[in-house]
């Protein structure tokens, strides 16, 4: 599932995912995403979600809604916000989640999708997210 309000970026993501064999469904806004979250939750293998939809930081609400139906749904967040900006904060949105910076992050979309799906499949968190005390 691709949740993106910019048509060209949505088409870019669709092309990249289709080349890897993914069938995609689209949502251009939060309302449409919520409909898909309810109606197609069992068919969504991964979600690519823009943090800002129509000028509103709706991405976190969309991710929460998707994960109500599929708690371990792999999510790739695309954001134009700087990683330190409060609007880019992913805490509390669950796991597995990967963040890419927009628009250049689309070059990394397929590796990120495959990575987040592998994290969900294996239950393995990325090592760079772990604290030193997690290894003791």
C-alpha atoms as a PDB file:
ATOM      1  CA  UNK A   1       0.000   0.000   0.000  1.00  0.00           C
ATOM      2  CA  UNK A   2       1.272   3.451  -0.924  1.00  0.00           C
ATOM      3  CA  UNK A   3      -0.054   6.453   1.013  1.00  0.00           C
ATOM      4  CA  UNK A   4       1.208   9.529  -0.823  1.00  0.00           C
ATOM      5  CA  UNK A   5      -0.537  12.766  -1.795  1.00  0.00           C
ATOM      6  CA  UNK A   6       1.953  13.755  -4.509  1.00  0.00           C
ATOM      7  CA  UNK A   7       0.937  11.945  -7.704  1.00  0.00           C
ATOM      8  CA  UNK A   8       4.402  11.834  -9.275  1.00  0.00           C
ATOM      9  CA  UNK A   9       5.989  10.379  -6.135  1.00  0.00           C
ATOM     10  CA  UNK A  10       3.161   7.860  -5.867  1.00  0.00           C
ATOM     11  CA  UNK A  11       3.781   6.783  -9.474  1.00  0.00           C
ATOM     12  CA  UNK A  12       7.516   6.573  -8.786  1.00  0.00           C
ATOM     13  CA  UNK A  13       6.950   4.326  -5.764  1.00  0.00           C
ATOM     14  CA  UNK A  14       4.455   2.224  -7.713  1.00  0.00           C
ATOM     15  CA  UNK A  15       6.910   1.729 -10.562  1.00  0.00           C
ATOM     16  CA  UNK A  16       9.695   0.688  -8.217  1.00  0.00           C
ATOM     17  CA  UNK A  17       7.477  -1.725  -6.284  1.00  0.00           C
ATOM     18  CA  UNK A  18       5.860  -3.155  -9.432  1.00  0.00           C
ATOM     19  CA  UNK A  19       9.318  -3.878 -10.866  1.00  0.00           C
ATOM     20  CA  UNK A  20       9.911  -6.049  -7.788  1.00  0.00           C
ATOM     21  CA  UNK A  21       6.629  -7.913  -8.249  1.00  0.00           C
ATOM     22  CA  UNK A  22       4.438  -6.047  -5.753  1.00  0.00           C
ATOM     23  CA  UNK A  23       0.792  -5.297  -6.513  1.00  0.00           C
ATOM     24  CA  UNK A  24      -0.066  -1.906  -5.089  1.00  0.00           C
ATOM     25  CA  UNK A  25      -3.074  -0.072  -3.788  1.00  0.00           C
ATOM     26  CA  UNK A  26      -3.003   3.671  -3.367  1.00  0.00           C
ATOM     27  CA  UNK A  27      -4.341   6.231  -0.960  1.00  0.00           C
ATOM     28  CA  UNK A  28      -3.899   9.935  -1.626  1.00  0.00           C
ATOM     29  CA  UNK A  29      -5.137  11.089   1.766  1.00  0.00           C
ATOM     30  CA  UNK A  30      -5.840   9.958   5.299  1.00  0.00           C
ATOM     31  CA  UNK A  31      -9.505   9.138   4.665  1.00  0.00           C
ATOM     32  CA  UNK A  32      -8.732   6.882   1.725  1.00  0.00           C
ATOM     33  CA  UNK A  33      -5.937   5.202   3.694  1.00  0.00           C
ATOM     34  CA  UNK A  34      -8.352   4.468   6.552  1.00  0.00           C
ATOM     35  CA  UNK A  35     -10.787   2.813   4.130  1.00  0.00           C
ATOM     36  CA  UNK A  36      -8.011   0.557   2.807  1.00  0.00           C
ATOM     37  CA  UNK A  37      -6.773  -0.146   6.344  1.00  0.00           C
ATOM     38  CA  UNK A  38     -10.176  -1.596   7.154  1.00  0.00           C
ATOM     39  CA  UNK A  39     -11.156  -3.200   3.848  1.00  0.00           C
ATOM     40  CA  UNK A  40      -7.829  -4.602   2.666  1.00  0.00           C
ATOM     41  CA  UNK A  41      -5.791  -5.092   5.856  1.00  0.00           C
ATOM     42  CA  UNK A  42      -5.330  -8.819   5.211  1.00  0.00           C
ATOM     43  CA  UNK A  43      -3.875  -8.128   1.732  1.00  0.00           C
ATOM     44  CA  UNK A  44      -1.359  -5.438   2.725  1.00  0.00           C
ATOM     45  CA  UNK A  45       2.160  -6.886   3.035  1.00  0.00           C
ATOM     46  CA  UNK A  46       3.950  -3.553   3.494  1.00  0.00           C
ATOM     47  CA  UNK A  47       2.940   0.112   3.655  1.00  0.00           C
ATOM     48  CA  UNK A  48       4.862   3.074   2.280  1.00  0.00           C
ATOM     49  CA  UNK A  49       3.477   6.115   4.094  1.00  0.00           C
ATOM     50  CA  UNK A  50       4.221   9.811   3.592  1.00  0.00           C
ATOM     51  CA  UNK A  51       4.261  11.604   6.960  1.00  0.00           C
ATOM     52  CA  UNK A  52       2.614  14.736   5.552  1.00  0.00           C
ATOM     53  CA  UNK A  53      -0.605  14.358   3.600  1.00  0.00           C
ATOM     54  CA  UNK A  54      -2.276  17.464   2.226  1.00  0.00           C
ATOM     55  CA  UNK A  55      -0.309  19.730   4.546  1.00  0.00           C
ATOM     56  CA  UNK A  56      -1.312  17.760   7.659  1.00  0.00           C
ATOM     57  CA  UNK A  57       1.020  15.443   9.569  1.00  0.00           C
ATOM     58  CA  UNK A  58      -1.422  12.535   9.078  1.00  0.00           C
ATOM     59  CA  UNK A  59       1.141   9.760   8.567  1.00  0.00           C
ATOM     60  CA  UNK A  60       1.275   8.727  12.233  1.00  0.00           C
ATOM     61  CA  UNK A  61      -2.522   8.395  12.374  1.00  0.00           C
ATOM     62  CA  UNK A  62      -2.484   6.297   9.212  1.00  0.00           C
ATOM     63  CA  UNK A  63       0.232   4.013  10.593  1.00  0.00           C
ATOM     64  CA  UNK A  64      -1.648   3.562  13.873  1.00  0.00           C
ATOM     65  CA  UNK A  65      -4.840   2.678  11.964  1.00  0.00           C
ATOM     66  CA  UNK A  66      -3.013   0.171   9.766  1.00  0.00           C
ATOM     67  CA  UNK A  67      -1.420  -1.439  12.796  1.00  0.00           C
ATOM     68  CA  UNK A  68      -4.750  -1.764  14.575  1.00  0.00           C
ATOM     69  CA  UNK A  69      -5.593  -4.310  11.884  1.00  0.00           C
ATOM     70  CA  UNK A  70      -2.077  -5.727  11.414  1.00  0.00           C
ATOM     71  CA  UNK A  71       0.097  -5.014  14.497  1.00  0.00           C
ATOM     72  CA  UNK A  72       3.387  -6.127  12.900  1.00  0.00           C
ATOM     73  CA  UNK A  73       2.800  -4.568   9.485  1.00  0.00           C
ATOM     74  CA  UNK A  74       6.114  -3.499   7.930  1.00  0.00           C
ATOM     75  CA  UNK A  75       6.062   0.258   7.277  1.00  0.00           C
ATOM     76  CA  UNK A  76       8.426   2.479   5.317  1.00  0.00           C
ATOM     77  CA  UNK A  77       7.913   6.121   6.246  1.00  0.00           C
ATOM     78  CA  UNK A  78       8.795   8.732   3.657  1.00  0.00           C
ATOM     79  CA  UNK A  79       9.252  12.235   5.036  1.00  0.00           C
ATOM     80  CA  UNK A  80      10.582  15.580   3.960  1.00  0.00           C
ATOM     81  CA  UNK A  81      11.011  16.537   7.608  1.00  0.00           C
ATOM     82  CA  UNK A  82      14.517  16.526   9.056  1.00  0.00           C
ATOM     83  CA  UNK A  83      15.139  13.503  11.280  1.00  0.00           C
ATOM     84  CA  UNK A  84      15.293  15.745  14.366  1.00  0.00           C
ATOM     85  CA  UNK A  85      11.999  17.503  13.629  1.00  0.00           C
ATOM     86  CA  UNK A  86       9.096  16.620  15.940  1.00  0.00           C
ATOM     87  CA  UNK A  87       6.955  15.856  12.866  1.00  0.00           C
ATOM     88  CA  UNK A  88       9.375  13.073  11.887  1.00  0.00           C
ATOM     89  CA  UNK A  89       9.244  11.346  15.273  1.00  0.00           C
ATOM     90  CA  UNK A  90       8.356   7.662  14.838  1.00  0.00           C
ATOM     91  CA  UNK A  91       8.282   6.736  18.524  1.00  0.00           C
ATOM     92  CA  UNK A  92       5.067   5.066  19.561  1.00  0.00           C
ATOM     93  CA  UNK A  93       4.201   3.943  16.031  1.00  0.00           C
ATOM     94  CA  UNK A  94       5.320   0.353  16.498  1.00  0.00           C
ATOM     95  CA  UNK A  95       7.766  -1.810  14.675  1.00  0.00           C
ATOM     96  CA  UNK A  96       9.011  -2.711  12.083  1.00  0.00           C
ATOM     97  CA  UNK A  97       9.388   0.785  10.700  1.00  0.00           C
ATOM     98  CA  UNK A  98      12.069   2.347   8.506  1.00  0.00           C
ATOM     99  CA  UNK A  99      12.358   6.069   7.692  1.00  0.00           C
ATOM    100  CA  UNK A 100      13.526   7.466   4.348  1.00  0.00           C
ATOM    101  CA  UNK A 101      14.045  11.129   3.524  1.00  0.00           C
ATOM    102  CA  UNK A 102      11.988  12.575   0.707  1.00  0.00           C
ATOM    103  CA  UNK A 103      12.504  12.900  -2.246  1.00  0.00           C
ATOM    104  CA  UNK A 104      15.927  11.248  -2.485  1.00  0.00           C
ATOM    105  CA  UNK A 105      14.865   8.335  -0.286  1.00  0.00           C
ATOM    106  CA  UNK A 106      13.043   6.768  -3.206  1.00  0.00           C
ATOM    107  CA  UNK A 107      16.434   5.554  -4.441  1.00  0.00           C
ATOM    108  CA  UNK A 108      16.520   3.432  -1.279  1.00  0.00           C
ATOM    109  CA  UNK A 109      12.859   2.387  -1.331  1.00  0.00           C
ATOM    110  CA  UNK A 110      13.241  -1.224  -2.465  1.00  0.00           C
ATOM    111  CA  UNK A 111      16.110  -2.065  -0.076  1.00  0.00           C
ATOM    112  CA  UNK A 112      14.119  -0.431   2.746  1.00  0.00           C
ATOM    113  CA  UNK A 113      10.952  -2.385   1.869  1.00  0.00           C
ATOM    114  CA  UNK A 114      12.846  -5.663   1.727  1.00  0.00           C
ATOM    115  CA  UNK A 115      14.647  -4.842   4.986  1.00  0.00           C
ATOM    116  CA  UNK A 116      11.508  -3.957   6.919  1.00  0.00           C
ATOM    117  CA  UNK A 117       9.728  -7.064   5.595  1.00  0.00           C
ATOM    118  CA  UNK A 118      12.671  -9.220   6.672  1.00  0.00           C
ATOM    119  CA  UNK A 119      12.597  -7.625  10.130  1.00  0.00           C
ATOM    120  CA  UNK A 120       8.914  -8.542  10.410  1.00  0.00           C
ATOM    121  CA  UNK A 121       9.516 -12.079   9.144  1.00  0.00           C
ATOM    122  CA  UNK A 122      12.416 -12.817  11.481  1.00  0.00           C
ATOM    123  CA  UNK A 123      11.435 -10.647  14.444  1.00  0.00           C
ATOM    124  CA  UNK A 124      14.935  -9.164  14.392  1.00  0.00           C
ATOM    125  CA  UNK A 125      15.411  -5.498  15.237  1.00  0.00           C
ATOM    126  CA  UNK A 126      18.225  -3.625  13.467  1.00  0.00           C
ATOM    127  CA  UNK A 127      21.387  -3.693  15.588  1.00  0.00           C
ATOM    128  CA  UNK A 128      21.891   0.057  15.325  1.00  0.00           C
ATOM    129  CA  UNK A 129      18.614   0.520  17.245  1.00  0.00           C
ATOM    130  CA  UNK A 130      19.771  -1.539  20.208  1.00  0.00           C
ATOM    131  CA  UNK A 131      21.364  -0.167  23.311  1.00  0.00           C
ATOM    132  CA  UNK A 132      24.632  -1.671  24.550  1.00  0.00           C
ATOM    133  CA  UNK A 133      22.752  -3.154  27.511  1.00  0.00           C
ATOM    134  CA  UNK A 134      20.584  -5.189  25.101  1.00  0.00           C
ATOM    135  CA  UNK A 135      23.629  -7.323  24.262  1.00  0.00           C
ATOM    136  CA  UNK A 136      24.489  -8.215  27.858  1.00  0.00           C
END
